[in-house]
């Protein structure tokens, strides 16, 4: 290909959290996933910088949070991503966020 940093057709390396073959999918359906802890699902946060915790697992090197704003029960706009080596984050880790809003959070793990 014309760009050395892009490798369409490259074999996917599972669980590395990288789209190795440039098709827009990470780990081709074999993603390791986690979720927000039950005590924090469906609640109103006390403050915008409240820590949001997820279920953690051993040998995980990175947690990739995909955050969608929900309006009328539907994801709105492009997702925001936060990547951290910890099993927690806050909305202040994102580029932008709105007060008094509902969000959906998905968590992919890298090892």
Protein backbone atom coordinates (compact mmCIF):
# COMPACT_ATOMS: atom_id res chain seq x y z
CA UNK A 1 0.00 0.00 0.00
CA UNK A 2 1.04 3.64 -0.38
CA UNK A 3 1.18 4.43 3.35
CA UNK A 4 3.59 2.38 5.44
CA UNK A 5 1.60 2.97 8.64
CA UNK A 6 -1.57 1.40 7.18
CA UNK A 7 -1.68 -2.31 6.42
CA UNK A 8 -5.00 -3.51 5.00
CA UNK A 9 -5.13 -7.28 4.95
CA UNK A 10 -2.68 -7.66 7.84
CA UNK A 11 -3.55 -10.57 10.14
CA UNK A 12 -5.54 -9.46 13.17
CA UNK A 13 -3.66 -9.87 16.46
CA UNK A 14 -6.25 -10.81 19.07
CA UNK A 15 -6.67 -8.89 22.33
CA UNK A 16 -4.20 -6.10 21.51
CA UNK A 17 -6.91 -3.45 21.12
CA UNK A 18 -5.59 -2.44 17.68
CA UNK A 19 -7.35 -2.63 14.31
CA UNK A 20 -4.41 -4.47 12.74
CA UNK A 21 -6.09 -5.09 9.36
CA UNK A 22 -7.63 -1.61 9.08
CA UNK A 23 -11.24 -2.77 8.61
CA UNK A 24 -12.67 -0.66 11.44
CA UNK A 25 -13.09 -3.57 13.87
CA UNK A 26 -10.87 -4.26 16.84
CA UNK A 27 -9.97 -7.91 17.43
CA UNK A 28 -12.57 -9.17 14.90
CA UNK A 29 -15.33 -10.30 17.24
CA UNK A 30 -12.97 -11.73 19.85
CA UNK A 31 -12.90 -8.64 22.06
CA UNK A 32 -12.36 -8.96 25.78
CA UNK A 33 -15.06 -6.84 27.39
CA UNK A 34 -15.92 -5.50 30.81
CA UNK A 35 -18.75 -3.39 32.15
CA UNK A 36 -19.48 -0.64 34.64
CA UNK A 37 -19.95 -2.09 38.13
CA UNK A 38 -23.57 -2.81 39.01
CA UNK A 39 -23.68 -0.22 41.81
CA UNK A 40 -23.00 2.54 39.25
CA UNK A 41 -25.36 1.47 36.46
CA UNK A 42 -28.38 3.69 35.91
CA UNK A 43 -27.44 6.22 38.59
CA UNK A 44 -26.93 9.97 38.67
CA UNK A 45 -23.32 10.79 39.51
CA UNK A 46 -22.72 13.00 42.54
CA UNK A 47 -20.32 15.20 40.55
CA UNK A 48 -19.06 15.43 36.97
CA UNK A 49 -15.62 14.26 38.16
CA UNK A 50 -17.00 11.20 39.98
CA UNK A 51 -14.99 8.05 39.33
CA UNK A 52 -16.77 5.45 37.18
CA UNK A 53 -15.51 1.96 37.98
CA UNK A 54 -15.60 -1.17 35.85
CA UNK A 55 -15.10 -4.82 36.62
CA UNK A 56 -11.34 -5.41 36.51
CA UNK A 57 -9.43 -8.50 35.42
CA UNK A 58 -5.83 -9.69 35.89
CA UNK A 59 -3.19 -9.15 33.17
CA UNK A 60 -5.06 -6.29 31.50
CA UNK A 61 -2.76 -3.59 30.10
CA UNK A 62 -5.38 -1.09 28.93
CA UNK A 63 -9.08 -0.30 29.38
CA UNK A 64 -10.70 1.38 26.36
CA UNK A 65 -13.90 3.23 27.24
CA UNK A 66 -16.32 4.07 24.42
CA UNK A 67 -18.82 6.66 25.62
CA UNK A 68 -21.98 7.66 23.76
CA UNK A 69 -24.34 10.44 24.75
CA UNK A 70 -27.92 9.14 24.82
CA UNK A 71 -30.80 11.40 23.74
CA UNK A 72 -34.34 10.02 23.67
CA UNK A 73 -32.99 6.51 24.27
CA UNK A 74 -30.75 6.67 21.18
CA UNK A 75 -26.95 7.09 20.95
CA UNK A 76 -26.27 10.55 19.52
CA UNK A 77 -23.17 11.74 17.70
CA UNK A 78 -19.80 10.07 17.46
CA UNK A 79 -18.53 8.14 20.46
CA UNK A 80 -15.72 9.49 22.59
CA UNK A 81 -12.88 7.20 23.61
CA UNK A 82 -10.82 7.19 26.77
CA UNK A 83 -7.91 4.77 27.09
CA UNK A 84 -6.37 4.20 30.51
CA UNK A 85 -4.43 1.43 32.23
CA UNK A 86 -6.85 1.68 35.19
CA UNK A 87 -10.27 0.12 35.60
CA UNK A 88 -11.86 3.50 36.20
CA UNK A 89 -12.27 6.91 34.58
CA UNK A 90 -14.35 10.06 34.92
CA UNK A 91 -16.13 12.25 32.41
CA UNK A 92 -13.44 14.87 32.95
CA UNK A 93 -11.07 12.47 31.12
CA UNK A 94 -13.11 13.10 27.95
CA UNK A 95 -12.64 15.97 25.50
CA UNK A 96 -16.22 17.14 26.09
CA UNK A 97 -19.17 16.20 28.25
CA UNK A 98 -22.55 17.66 29.21
CA UNK A 99 -24.11 18.04 32.62
CA UNK A 100 -27.55 16.51 33.26
CA UNK A 101 -27.11 14.05 30.39
CA UNK A 102 -27.35 10.30 29.97
CA UNK A 103 -24.41 8.30 28.63
CA UNK A 104 -23.80 4.72 27.56
CA UNK A 105 -20.38 3.24 28.36
CA UNK A 106 -18.79 0.21 26.71
CA UNK A 107 -15.44 -1.18 27.86
CA UNK A 108 -12.93 -3.16 25.80
CA UNK A 109 -9.86 -4.71 27.40
CA UNK A 110 -6.35 -5.11 26.05
CA UNK A 111 -3.80 -7.62 27.31
